Amino acid sequence: MIWLPLIGLAIGFQIYWLPGLSLPSSVAAYLSLATLAGLDSIFGGIRAGIEGKFHDDIFFSGFLVNTLLAAALAYLGDQIGVDLFLAAVVALGGRIFLNLSLIRRYLLTETRLRWRREG
């Protein structure tokens, strides 16, 4: 099931590149934060798949809840005058970089082990 997050990422890029798609600037901050939360879930799903811990129900619920919560926090921050958007970007960005570093480390380790077995 590791392919499920990758398929979601590919679909997201396809939607992004649709010609003629424009959104009002008032929702840009919320949509960008929701996208960042979605990417966090996708990379977390890829990491879970690599570790053999992927469950599609956890992935789907986490994707939906994280995305909605991130957008809701940004909206709430705008309403009360606190920049929660920036805090969410820092937290989600940190998680994305952590997941990417673990994915990279796994792939490099597997490649190194494969070279040793073949050589």
C-alpha atoms as a PDB file:
ATOM      1  CA  MET A   1       0.000   0.000   0.000  1.00  0.00           C
ATOM      2  CA  ILE A   2       3.022   2.320  -0.131  1.00  0.00           C
ATOM      3  CA  TRP A   3       1.805   3.368  -3.574  1.00  0.00           C
ATOM      4  CA  LEU A   4      -1.315   5.045  -2.158  1.00  0.00           C
ATOM      5  CA  PRO A   5       0.502   8.169  -0.844  1.00  0.00           C
ATOM      6  CA  LEU A   6       2.530   8.377  -4.065  1.00  0.00           C
ATOM      7  CA  ILE A   7      -0.638   8.228  -6.169  1.00  0.00           C
ATOM      8  CA  GLY A   8      -2.132  10.995  -4.001  1.00  0.00           C
ATOM      9  CA  LEU A   9       0.948  13.129  -4.596  1.00  0.00           C
ATOM     10  CA  ALA A  10       0.757  12.570  -8.363  1.00  0.00           C
ATOM     11  CA  ILE A  11      -2.946  13.460  -8.449  1.00  0.00           C
ATOM     12  CA  GLY A  12      -2.264  16.613  -6.443  1.00  0.00           C
ATOM     13  CA  PHE A  13       0.363  17.747  -8.933  1.00  0.00           C
ATOM     14  CA  GLN A  14      -2.010  17.059 -11.834  1.00  0.00           C
ATOM     15  CA  ILE A  15      -4.749  19.158 -10.237  1.00  0.00           C
ATOM     16  CA  TYR A  16      -2.267  21.951  -9.551  1.00  0.00           C
ATOM     17  CA  TRP A  17      -1.287  22.173 -13.201  1.00  0.00           C
ATOM     18  CA  LEU A  18      -4.856  22.327 -14.561  1.00  0.00           C
ATOM     19  CA  PRO A  19      -5.041  25.242 -16.991  1.00  0.00           C
ATOM     20  CA  GLY A  20      -7.456  28.001 -16.122  1.00  0.00           C
ATOM     21  CA  LEU A  21      -7.688  27.061 -12.449  1.00  0.00           C
ATOM     22  CA  SER A  22      -7.633  30.181 -10.308  1.00  0.00           C
ATOM     23  CA  LEU A  23      -8.586  30.681  -6.703  1.00  0.00           C
ATOM     24  CA  PRO A  24      -9.366  33.869  -4.824  1.00  0.00           C
ATOM     25  CA  SER A  25      -6.397  35.320  -2.979  1.00  0.00           C
ATOM     26  CA  SER A  26      -8.409  35.294   0.252  1.00  0.00           C
ATOM     27  CA  VAL A  27      -8.172  31.487   0.440  1.00  0.00           C
ATOM     28  CA  ALA A  28      -4.548  31.212  -0.719  1.00  0.00           C
ATOM     29  CA  ALA A  29      -3.076  31.098   2.793  1.00  0.00           C
ATOM     30  CA  TYR A  30      -5.557  28.460   3.951  1.00  0.00           C
ATOM     31  CA  LEU A  31      -5.089  26.343   0.856  1.00  0.00           C
ATOM     32  CA  SER A  32      -1.304  26.538   1.038  1.00  0.00           C
ATOM     33  CA  LEU A  33      -1.342  25.446   4.673  1.00  0.00           C
ATOM     34  CA  ALA A  34      -3.804  22.640   3.913  1.00  0.00           C
ATOM     35  CA  THR A  35      -1.515  21.541   1.072  1.00  0.00           C
ATOM     36  CA  LEU A  36       1.461  21.532   3.420  1.00  0.00           C
ATOM     37  CA  ALA A  37      -0.509  19.408   5.902  1.00  0.00           C
ATOM     38  CA  GLY A  38      -1.460  17.055   3.071  1.00  0.00           C
ATOM     39  CA  LEU A  39       2.182  16.728   2.034  1.00  0.00           C
ATOM     40  CA  ASP A  40       3.084  15.972   5.637  1.00  0.00           C
ATOM     41  CA  SER A  41       0.553  13.129   5.618  1.00  0.00           C
ATOM     42  CA  ILE A  42       1.776  11.834   2.258  1.00  0.00           C
ATOM     43  CA  PHE A  43       5.420  11.717   3.307  1.00  0.00           C
ATOM     44  CA  GLY A  44       4.395  10.202   6.640  1.00  0.00           C
ATOM     45  CA  GLY A  45       2.498   7.534   4.692  1.00  0.00           C
ATOM     46  CA  ILE A  46       5.518   6.811   2.517  1.00  0.00           C
ATOM     47  CA  ARG A  47       7.687   6.513   5.616  1.00  0.00           C
ATOM     48  CA  ALA A  48       5.149   4.204   7.278  1.00  0.00           C
ATOM     49  CA  GLY A  49       5.064   2.075   4.123  1.00  0.00           C
ATOM     50  CA  ILE A  50       8.833   1.749   4.106  1.00  0.00           C
ATOM     51  CA  GLU A  51       8.794   0.779   7.779  1.00  0.00           C
ATOM     52  CA  GLY A  52       6.017  -1.762   7.155  1.00  0.00           C
ATOM     53  CA  LYS A  53       3.555   0.098   9.403  1.00  0.00           C
ATOM     54  CA  PHE A  54       1.235   1.601   6.774  1.00  0.00           C
ATOM     55  CA  HIS A  55      -2.531   1.319   7.340  1.00  0.00           C
ATOM     56  CA  ASP A  56      -4.815   2.931   4.796  1.00  0.00           C
ATOM     57  CA  ASP A  57      -7.487   3.904   7.342  1.00  0.00           C
ATOM     58  CA  ILE A  58      -4.917   5.739   9.474  1.00  0.00           C
ATOM     59  CA  PHE A  59      -3.502   7.427   6.366  1.00  0.00           C
ATOM     60  CA  PHE A  60      -6.910   8.612   5.080  1.00  0.00           C
ATOM     61  CA  SER A  61      -8.121   9.841   8.461  1.00  0.00           C
ATOM     62  CA  GLY A  62      -4.793  11.548   9.197  1.00  0.00           C
ATOM     63  CA  PHE A  63      -4.736  13.194   5.782  1.00  0.00           C
ATOM     64  CA  LEU A  64      -8.263  14.545   6.182  1.00  0.00           C
ATOM     65  CA  VAL A  65      -7.982  15.618   9.814  1.00  0.00           C
ATOM     66  CA  ASN A  66      -4.508  17.198   9.432  1.00  0.00           C
ATOM     67  CA  THR A  67      -5.537  19.118   6.336  1.00  0.00           C
ATOM     68  CA  LEU A  68      -8.770  20.431   7.852  1.00  0.00           C
ATOM     69  CA  LEU A  69      -7.116  21.238  11.189  1.00  0.00           C
ATOM     70  CA  ALA A  70      -4.303  23.189   9.547  1.00  0.00           C
ATOM     71  CA  ALA A  71      -6.744  25.287   7.513  1.00  0.00           C
ATOM     72  CA  ALA A  72      -8.977  25.786  10.566  1.00  0.00           C
ATOM     73  CA  LEU A  73      -6.038  26.929  12.695  1.00  0.00           C
ATOM     74  CA  ALA A  74      -4.999  29.446  10.055  1.00  0.00           C
ATOM     75  CA  TYR A  75      -8.572  30.754   9.897  1.00  0.00           C
ATOM     76  CA  LEU A  76      -8.838  30.922  13.683  1.00  0.00           C
ATOM     77  CA  GLY A  77      -5.523  32.774  13.852  1.00  0.00           C
ATOM     78  CA  ASP A  78      -6.791  35.321  11.335  1.00  0.00           C
ATOM     79  CA  GLN A  79      -9.971  35.832  13.324  1.00  0.00           C
ATOM     80  CA  ILE A  80      -8.243  36.443  16.643  1.00  0.00           C
ATOM     81  CA  GLY A  81      -5.238  38.290  15.234  1.00  0.00           C
ATOM     82  CA  VAL A  82      -2.596  35.698  16.116  1.00  0.00           C
ATOM     83  CA  ASP A  83      -0.280  34.362  13.434  1.00  0.00           C
ATOM     84  CA  LEU A  84      -1.037  30.644  13.914  1.00  0.00           C
ATOM     85  CA  PHE A  85      -0.301  30.175  10.222  1.00  0.00           C
ATOM     86  CA  LEU A  86       3.419  30.640  10.776  1.00  0.00           C
ATOM     87  CA  ALA A  87       3.488  28.254  13.749  1.00  0.00           C
ATOM     88  CA  ALA A  88       1.723  25.580  11.690  1.00  0.00           C
ATOM     89  CA  VAL A  89       4.118  26.073   8.763  1.00  0.00           C
ATOM     90  CA  VAL A  90       7.132  25.638  11.037  1.00  0.00           C
ATOM     91  CA  ALA A  91       5.697  22.515  12.697  1.00  0.00           C
ATOM     92  CA  LEU A  92       4.571  20.879   9.450  1.00  0.00           C
ATOM     93  CA  GLY A  93       7.765  21.847   7.642  1.00  0.00           C
ATOM     94  CA  GLY A  94       9.830  20.254  10.385  1.00  0.00           C
ATOM     95  CA  ARG A  95       7.822  17.030  10.161  1.00  0.00           C
ATOM     96  CA  ILE A  96       8.150  16.936   6.372  1.00  0.00           C
ATOM     97  CA  PHE A  97      11.934  17.367   6.551  1.00  0.00           C
ATOM     98  CA  LEU A  98      12.164  14.688   9.246  1.00  0.00           C
ATOM     99  CA  ASN A  99      10.150  12.212   7.169  1.00  0.00           C
ATOM    100  CA  LEU A 100      12.160  13.005   4.041  1.00  0.00           C
ATOM    101  CA  SER A 101      15.449  12.526   5.874  1.00  0.00           C
ATOM    102  CA  LEU A 102      14.315   9.143   7.210  1.00  0.00           C
ATOM    103  CA  ILE A 103      13.084   8.071   3.756  1.00  0.00           C
ATOM    104  CA  ARG A 104      16.402   9.152   2.227  1.00  0.00           C
ATOM    105  CA  ARG A 105      18.392   7.337   4.898  1.00  0.00           C
ATOM    106  CA  TYR A 106      16.397   4.148   4.343  1.00  0.00           C
ATOM    107  CA  LEU A 107      16.852   4.289   0.570  1.00  0.00           C
ATOM    108  CA  LEU A 108      20.590   4.959   0.845  1.00  0.00           C
ATOM    109  CA  THR A 109      21.027   2.133   3.351  1.00  0.00           C
ATOM    110  CA  GLU A 110      19.114  -0.292   1.137  1.00  0.00           C
ATOM    111  CA  THR A 111      21.183   0.747  -1.890  1.00  0.00           C
ATOM    112  CA  ARG A 112      24.424   0.297   0.043  1.00  0.00           C
ATOM    113  CA  LEU A 113      23.345  -3.162   1.242  1.00  0.00           C
ATOM    114  CA  ARG A 114      22.363  -4.154  -2.298  1.00  0.00           C
ATOM    115  CA  TRP A 115      25.788  -3.088  -3.620  1.00  0.00           C
ATOM    116  CA  ARG A 116      27.531  -5.132  -0.934  1.00  0.00           C
ATOM    117  CA  ARG A 117      25.503  -8.248  -1.755  1.00  0.00           C
ATOM    118  CA  GLU A 118      26.169  -7.897  -5.487  1.00  0.00           C
ATOM    119  CA  GLY A 119      29.822  -6.950  -5.171  1.00  0.00           C
END
